Protein backbone atom coordinates (compact mmCIF):
# COMPACT_ATOMS: atom_id res chain seq x y z
CA ALA A 1 3.87 78.47 55.87
CA GLN A 2 6.75 80.17 57.70
CA PRO A 3 4.85 83.37 58.63
CA LEU A 4 1.97 81.36 60.09
CA ALA A 5 4.31 78.99 61.92
CA ILE A 6 6.01 81.94 63.60
CA THR A 7 2.84 83.73 64.65
CA MET A 8 1.30 80.46 65.86
CA ASN A 9 4.25 80.25 68.25
CA GLY A 10 3.94 83.82 69.47
CA GLY A 11 6.65 85.42 67.34
CA VAL A 12 7.04 88.39 65.05
CA ALA A 13 8.11 87.47 61.52
CA LEU A 14 9.79 89.58 58.88
CA VAL A 15 9.41 87.52 55.71
CA VAL A 16 11.12 88.64 52.51
CA GLU A 17 9.26 87.68 49.31
CA VAL A 18 10.56 88.62 45.88
CA ASP A 19 7.24 88.10 44.05
CA PRO A 20 4.51 90.57 45.12
CA THR A 21 1.74 88.42 43.62
CA ARG A 22 2.71 85.52 45.87
CA ALA A 23 2.80 87.77 48.90
CA GLU A 24 -0.69 89.04 48.05
CA ARG A 25 -1.98 85.50 47.65
CA ARG A 26 -0.64 84.49 51.06
CA LEU A 27 -2.21 87.60 52.57
CA LYS A 28 -5.62 86.69 51.12
CA GLN A 29 -5.28 83.09 52.32
CA GLY A 30 -4.50 84.19 55.86
CA PHE A 31 -0.93 82.91 56.00
CA LEU A 32 0.47 86.46 56.12
CA ASP A 33 -0.80 89.41 58.15
CA GLU A 34 0.43 92.45 56.20
CA ILE A 35 2.63 93.51 53.28
CA THR A 36 4.95 96.43 52.60
CA ASP A 37 7.68 97.24 50.10
CA SER A 38 9.49 99.52 52.56
CA LEU A 39 12.16 98.07 54.83
CA ASP A 40 11.88 101.11 57.10
CA ASP A 41 8.15 100.56 57.53
CA ALA A 42 8.61 96.82 58.04
CA LEU A 43 11.18 97.33 60.78
CA ALA A 44 9.09 99.99 62.50
CA SER A 45 6.09 97.66 62.50
CA ALA A 46 8.17 94.76 63.78
CA GLU A 47 9.54 96.83 66.66
CA GLY A 48 6.03 97.91 67.56
CA TYR A 49 4.71 94.36 67.62
CA LEU A 50 7.70 93.19 69.64
CA GLY A 51 7.12 95.95 72.15
CA SER A 52 3.47 95.02 72.59
CA ARG A 53 4.23 91.27 72.40
CA THR A 54 1.79 90.89 69.52
CA PRO A 55 2.35 87.89 67.22
CA ARG A 56 2.40 89.27 63.68
CA SER A 57 3.87 88.44 60.27
CA ILE A 58 5.11 91.18 57.95
CA GLY A 59 5.73 90.41 54.31
CA LEU A 60 8.46 92.60 52.83
CA VAL A 61 8.51 92.64 49.04
CA GLY A 62 12.19 92.54 48.17
CA ASN A 63 15.14 90.26 47.51
CA ALA A 64 16.61 88.38 50.46
CA ALA A 65 20.12 88.69 49.00
CA ALA A 66 19.81 92.46 49.37
CA VAL A 67 17.64 92.70 52.49
CA LEU A 68 19.66 90.43 54.80
CA PRO A 69 22.97 92.28 54.30
CA GLU A 70 21.12 95.56 54.84
CA LEU A 71 19.72 94.28 58.13
CA LEU A 72 23.26 93.45 59.17
CA ARG A 73 24.48 96.91 58.16
CA ARG A 74 21.75 98.47 60.29
CA ASP A 75 22.64 96.17 63.19
CA VAL A 76 19.06 94.91 63.47
CA ARG A 77 18.66 92.35 66.25
CA VAL A 78 17.49 89.03 64.85
CA ASP A 79 16.65 86.06 67.08
CA VAL A 80 16.16 83.38 64.43
CA VAL A 81 17.08 83.39 60.74
CA THR A 82 16.41 80.84 58.02
CA ASP A 83 15.60 80.64 54.33
CA GLN A 84 13.05 78.93 52.12
CA THR A 85 13.89 80.23 48.67
CA SER A 86 14.07 77.86 45.70
CA ALA A 87 17.86 77.86 45.87
CA HIS A 88 17.95 74.24 44.72
CA ASP A 89 17.13 75.52 41.22
CA PRO A 90 19.32 78.54 40.39
CA LEU A 91 17.74 78.93 36.94
CA ASP A 92 13.99 78.47 37.30
CA GLY A 93 13.62 78.81 41.07
CA TYR A 94 15.89 81.39 42.68
CA VAL A 95 15.65 85.06 41.68
CA PRO A 96 19.01 86.89 41.82
CA ASP A 97 19.44 90.44 43.04
CA VAL A 98 19.90 91.96 39.58
CA ARG A 99 17.81 94.27 37.41
CA HIS A 100 15.55 92.68 34.80
CA ALA A 101 16.18 89.17 36.12
CA GLY A 102 13.31 87.73 34.08
CA VAL A 103 14.80 89.01 30.84
CA LEU A 104 18.25 87.69 31.77
CA ARG A 105 16.81 84.25 32.51
CA ILE A 106 15.41 84.03 28.97
CA ASN A 107 18.25 85.67 27.06
CA ASP A 108 21.28 84.29 28.88
CA PRO A 109 20.54 81.32 31.18
CA ALA A 110 24.22 80.76 32.00
CA ALA A 111 24.64 84.36 33.15
CA TYR A 112 21.41 84.05 35.14
CA ILE A 113 22.69 80.98 37.00
CA GLU A 114 25.96 82.78 37.73
CA ALA A 115 24.01 85.77 39.08
CA SER A 116 21.81 83.48 41.18
CA ARG A 117 24.80 81.79 42.76
CA ALA A 118 26.40 85.14 43.53
CA SER A 119 23.19 86.29 45.25
CA ILE A 120 22.83 82.97 47.06
CA ALA A 121 26.37 83.36 48.40
CA LYS A 122 25.55 86.89 49.66
CA GLN A 123 22.40 85.65 51.34
CA CYS A 124 24.13 82.66 52.93
CA GLU A 125 27.01 84.85 54.10
CA ALA A 126 24.49 87.13 55.82
CA ILE A 127 22.86 84.17 57.58
CA VAL A 128 26.27 83.05 58.88
CA ALA A 129 26.97 86.62 60.04
CA PHE A 130 23.69 86.67 61.97
CA LYS A 131 24.72 83.38 63.57
CA ASP A 132 28.06 84.91 64.53
CA ARG A 133 26.13 87.71 66.24
CA GLY A 134 24.13 85.24 68.32
CA ALA A 135 21.08 84.44 66.21
CA VAL A 136 19.80 80.89 65.86
CA ALA A 137 20.38 79.92 62.22
CA PHE A 138 19.19 76.77 60.49
CA ASP A 139 18.80 75.62 56.92
CA TYR A 140 15.58 74.31 55.39
CA GLY A 141 17.45 71.85 53.19
CA ASN A 142 16.76 73.69 49.93
CA ASN A 143 20.44 73.64 48.92
CA LEU A 144 21.14 77.29 49.69
CA ARG A 145 24.32 76.21 51.47
CA GLY A 146 25.35 73.89 48.64
CA GLU A 147 24.92 76.54 45.96
CA ALA A 148 26.69 79.13 48.13
CA GLN A 149 29.60 76.74 48.52
CA THR A 150 29.67 76.23 44.75
CA ALA A 151 29.83 80.02 44.40
CA GLY A 152 32.92 80.08 46.63
CA PHE A 153 31.58 80.87 50.11
CA ALA A 154 33.72 78.65 52.33
CA ARG A 155 31.58 78.94 55.48
CA ALA A 156 28.31 77.95 53.83
CA PHE A 157 27.83 74.90 56.07
CA ASP A 158 28.62 76.71 59.32
CA TYR A 159 24.98 76.39 60.37
CA PRO A 160 23.00 73.14 60.42
CA GLY A 161 19.99 71.87 58.59
CA PHE A 162 16.80 71.74 60.63
CA VAL A 163 16.64 67.94 60.72
CA PRO A 164 19.92 67.28 62.57
CA ALA A 165 19.32 70.40 64.67
CA TYR A 166 15.77 69.62 65.80
CA ILE A 167 13.92 66.75 64.11
CA ARG A 168 16.15 63.67 64.29
CA PRO A 169 15.07 62.61 67.82
CA LEU A 170 11.53 62.39 66.45
CA PHE A 171 12.67 60.41 63.42
CA GLU A 172 14.32 57.91 65.77
CA ARG A 173 10.81 57.03 66.99
CA GLY A 174 9.37 56.86 63.49
CA LYS A 175 7.64 60.20 64.03
CA GLY A 176 6.95 62.50 61.11
CA PRO A 177 4.23 64.34 59.16
CA PHE A 178 1.16 62.09 58.96
CA ARG A 179 -1.45 63.37 56.51
CA TRP A 180 -5.06 62.44 55.72
CA VAL A 181 -7.56 63.70 53.14
CA ALA A 182 -11.37 63.55 53.08
CA LEU A 183 -12.45 62.09 49.74
CA SER A 184 -15.98 63.31 50.46
CA GLY A 185 -14.84 66.91 50.11
CA ASP A 186 -16.76 67.64 53.32
CA PRO A 187 -14.77 69.61 55.93
CA ARG A 188 -16.94 68.06 58.65
CA ASP A 189 -15.21 64.73 58.04
CA ILE A 190 -11.84 66.30 58.86
CA LEU A 191 -13.26 68.00 61.95
CA ALA A 192 -14.57 64.61 63.11
CA THR A 193 -11.11 63.08 62.69
CA ASP A 194 -9.64 66.03 64.61
CA ARG A 195 -11.79 65.05 67.59
CA ALA A 196 -10.78 61.41 67.16
CA VAL A 197 -7.03 62.06 67.19
CA LEU A 198 -7.37 64.23 70.29
CA GLU A 199 -9.36 61.51 72.06
CA LEU A 200 -6.82 58.88 71.07
CA PHE A 201 -3.77 60.80 72.31
CA PRO A 202 -5.02 63.02 75.17
CA GLU A 203 -1.56 63.26 76.75
CA ASP A 204 0.00 64.88 73.66
CA ARG A 205 -0.27 68.59 74.44
CA SER A 206 1.63 69.68 71.33
CA LEU A 207 -0.81 67.75 69.17
CA ALA A 208 -3.81 69.30 70.93
CA ARG A 209 -2.40 72.79 70.51
CA TRP A 210 -1.68 72.17 66.82
CA ILE A 211 -5.16 70.81 66.04
CA GLU A 212 -6.80 73.79 67.74
CA LEU A 213 -4.65 76.26 65.83
CA ALA A 214 -5.01 74.40 62.52
CA GLU A 215 -8.79 74.45 62.75
CA THR A 216 -8.83 78.22 63.21
CA ARG A 217 -5.77 79.39 61.27
CA VAL A 218 -5.05 76.98 58.39
CA PRO A 219 -7.54 77.19 55.50
CA PHE A 220 -8.41 74.10 53.47
CA GLN A 221 -7.11 74.08 49.90
CA GLY A 222 -8.62 71.59 47.48
CA LEU A 223 -9.96 68.52 49.27
CA PRO A 224 -10.15 69.07 53.04
CA ALA A 225 -7.06 67.62 54.70
CA ARG A 226 -5.10 67.65 57.91
CA VAL A 227 -1.55 66.84 58.92
CA CYS A 228 0.03 66.17 62.30
CA TRP A 229 3.15 64.46 63.59
CA LEU A 230 2.62 60.85 64.70
CA GLY A 231 5.12 58.06 65.27
CA TYR A 232 5.45 54.30 65.20
CA GLY A 233 2.41 52.68 66.81
CA GLU A 234 0.47 55.94 66.83
CA ARG A 235 -0.07 55.93 63.07
CA ALA A 236 -1.50 52.42 63.03
CA ALA A 237 -3.75 53.21 66.00
CA PHE A 238 -5.13 56.39 64.44
CA GLY A 239 -5.50 54.73 61.05
CA ALA A 240 -7.61 52.01 62.66
CA ARG A 241 -9.77 54.64 64.37
CA ILE A 242 -10.34 56.44 61.05
CA ASP A 243 -11.19 53.14 59.38
CA ASP A 244 -13.75 52.39 62.10
CA MET A 245 -15.33 55.79 61.51
CA VAL A 246 -15.61 55.06 57.78
CA ARG A 247 -17.04 51.58 58.40
CA THR A 248 -19.69 52.81 60.84
CA GLY A 249 -20.72 55.78 58.71
CA THR A 250 -19.41 58.40 61.13
CA LEU A 251 -17.48 59.71 58.12
CA SER A 252 -19.33 60.16 54.85
CA ALA A 253 -16.63 58.67 52.58
CA PRO A 254 -13.24 56.91 52.69
CA ILE A 255 -10.15 58.75 53.91
CA VAL A 256 -6.82 58.74 52.08
CA ILE A 257 -3.87 58.47 54.46
CA GLY A 258 -0.36 59.44 53.44
CA ARG A 259 2.53 61.54 54.67
CA ASP A 260 5.05 64.10 53.57
CA HIS A 261 8.09 63.06 51.54
CA LEU A 262 10.02 64.36 54.56
CA ASP A 263 9.83 61.38 56.89
CA SER A 264 11.95 59.19 59.09
CA GLY A 265 12.82 56.17 56.97
CA SER A 266 11.86 56.91 53.39
CA VAL A 267 14.56 59.34 52.30
CA ALA A 268 18.19 59.64 51.33
CA SER A 269 18.85 63.39 51.33
CA PRO A 270 22.31 64.41 52.58
CA ASN A 271 21.40 68.09 52.89
CA ARG A 272 18.11 67.58 54.72
CA GLU A 273 16.54 64.44 56.21
CA THR A 274 19.75 62.39 56.39
CA GLU A 275 22.25 65.20 56.93
CA GLY A 276 24.98 64.34 59.43
CA MET A 277 23.90 60.77 60.17
CA ARG A 278 25.71 59.20 63.12
CA ASP A 279 27.30 56.46 60.98
CA GLY A 280 28.02 58.62 57.92
CA SER A 281 25.25 56.97 55.88
CA ASP A 282 23.80 60.30 54.67
CA ALA A 283 23.74 59.36 50.98
CA ILE A 284 22.91 55.64 51.23
CA ALA A 285 19.98 55.29 48.83
CA ASP A 286 19.01 51.73 49.82
CA TRP A 287 16.68 52.97 52.56
CA PRO A 288 14.03 54.74 50.45
CA ILE A 289 14.02 51.81 48.02
CA LEU A 290 13.60 49.37 50.92
CA ASN A 291 10.80 51.55 52.30
CA ALA A 292 9.02 51.52 48.93
CA LEU A 293 9.35 47.75 48.55
CA VAL A 294 8.19 47.03 52.11
CA ASN A 295 5.17 49.32 51.75
CA THR A 296 4.30 47.67 48.44
CA ALA A 297 4.44 44.23 50.05
CA ALA A 298 2.37 45.50 52.98
CA GLY A 299 -0.43 46.53 50.61
CA ALA A 300 -0.17 50.29 50.14
CA THR A 301 -2.71 51.70 47.69
CA TRP A 302 0.09 53.36 45.80
CA VAL A 303 3.82 53.80 46.24
CA SER A 304 6.05 56.34 44.53
CA VAL A 305 9.80 56.72 44.21
CA HIS A 306 11.01 60.15 43.21
CA HIS A 307 13.90 62.52 43.69
CA GLY A 308 14.56 66.20 44.19
CA GLY A 309 12.15 66.78 47.05
CA GLY A 310 12.92 70.47 47.53
CA VAL A 311 16.68 70.00 47.60
CA GLY A 312 17.29 69.78 43.86
CA ILE A 313 17.06 67.12 41.18
CA GLY A 314 19.70 64.47 41.75
CA ASN A 315 20.32 65.46 45.37
CA SER A 316 17.89 63.06 47.06
CA ILE A 317 15.70 59.99 46.68
CA HIS A 318 12.30 59.77 48.38
CA ALA A 319 9.68 57.05 48.64
CA GLY A 320 6.06 58.06 49.11
CA MET A 321 3.04 55.99 50.05
CA VAL A 322 -0.73 56.26 50.39
CA ALA A 323 -3.21 53.86 51.98
CA VAL A 324 -7.00 54.17 51.87
CA ALA A 325 -9.23 53.70 54.90
CA ASP A 326 -12.36 52.32 53.22
CA GLY A 327 -13.95 50.34 56.06
CA THR A 328 -13.55 46.93 54.38
CA PRO A 329 -11.88 43.91 56.04
CA LEU A 330 -9.17 43.65 53.38
CA GLY A 331 -8.58 47.39 53.44
CA ARG A 332 -8.18 47.23 57.22
CA GLN A 333 -5.49 44.55 56.99
CA LYS A 334 -3.54 46.56 54.44
CA LEU A 335 -3.93 49.79 56.38
CA GLU A 336 -2.64 48.34 59.64
CA ARG A 337 0.35 46.73 57.90
CA VAL A 338 1.35 49.83 55.95
CA LEU A 339 0.97 52.18 58.91
CA THR A 340 3.27 49.86 60.86
CA THR A 341 5.92 49.09 58.25
CA ASP A 342 6.23 52.66 57.00
CA PRO A 343 7.26 54.36 60.28
CA GLY A 344 8.94 51.10 61.30
CA THR A 345 11.42 51.63 58.48
CA GLY A 346 12.36 54.91 60.15
CA VAL A 347 12.99 53.24 63.50
CA MET A 348 15.02 50.54 61.76
CA ARG A 349 17.01 53.04 59.70
CA HIS A 350 18.08 55.06 62.76
CA ALA A 351 18.72 52.01 64.93
CA ASP A 352 20.93 50.62 62.18
CA ALA A 353 22.83 53.93 62.16
CA GLY A 354 23.58 53.46 65.85
CA TYR A 355 21.27 55.98 67.51
CA PRO A 356 20.82 54.75 71.11
CA ASP A 357 17.31 56.20 71.46
CA ALA A 358 16.16 54.41 68.30
CA ILE A 359 17.61 51.12 69.54
CA ALA A 360 15.94 51.54 72.94
CA PHE A 361 12.64 52.52 71.31
CA ALA A 362 12.74 49.47 69.03
CA LYS A 363 13.32 47.16 71.99
CA ASP A 364 10.55 48.82 73.99
CA LYS A 365 8.05 48.46 71.13
CA GLY A 366 9.07 44.93 70.22
CA VAL A 367 10.47 45.83 66.80
CA ASP A 368 12.53 42.81 65.74
CA LEU A 369 15.91 44.07 64.49
CA PRO A 370 18.31 41.10 64.38
CA SER A 371 21.19 43.21 63.04
CA VAL A 372 21.16 45.65 65.97
């Protein structure tokens, strides 16, 4: 997703991918524009696209632990640097910068983990060096910094995770990734809901831009689906609109409504969603459990409690939920409750942590929080 996110926002992306088959798959799916295994060619292409102000993503087949230090050595100007490797799993996820890594993983797992952590430390050190040179650096929350620290790199946490850096003000309003899926399998149902969400929130220019780009740039995989960022109040309103469309036959089948495990009030993840909380409550695991229980009581179709969530097993707890818009009176009651309580937990969680904007938002929306 990173290459497409960058080009959607008018940038030029140099994306390092260690597995050529994955790079080829992303190229075929339209998420990536071109592939090379030559750093020289990749940099020449990037400079050309920058000069012509052409949004473009270049996939470089290589290992980030080797490529990033080489970019530093060449004094390549980098505006933004981040990472999305599977660093949370140094055995079965991350690929170290060593020869015959696959053989080492099978024959000597302990040595493989040691090699992974050494490579992770090199990669993290390079990211910090780019930051020192003026680049914007942020962490995806995949435990690259944690593993680098374990490997002995003392400055691993010198750059922030993306949630405290950019997302938390949205979380304070219960805003996060809201997702819906057409059970009919008909893409026209999703396109109809696209029109509905734009009609419902005409003042949201970011939403309008995203829907337009998603329709033209993001291919459906499996059942047709869409995601956008909506907050407290907005989710219930849009859920009701979808339910009306199912009830009246505008849509050909029910719609499943859920969200990402990354959300405002359903997670305890000290290296991602709850990193650097105002009151120090980063690791308090009561919140996802409360979210799961409240959504169960509200009538969610299913609720899940799980851990890992991209940051590593044992490093987080998440609560997921799904509600079905089926056009029935009982379904409508459940849908409206769940799409209120779920983001409401996020508002409550951040107000409880002392965020002034969350407290003000709760008061403005009439969210009853006796403890605040």
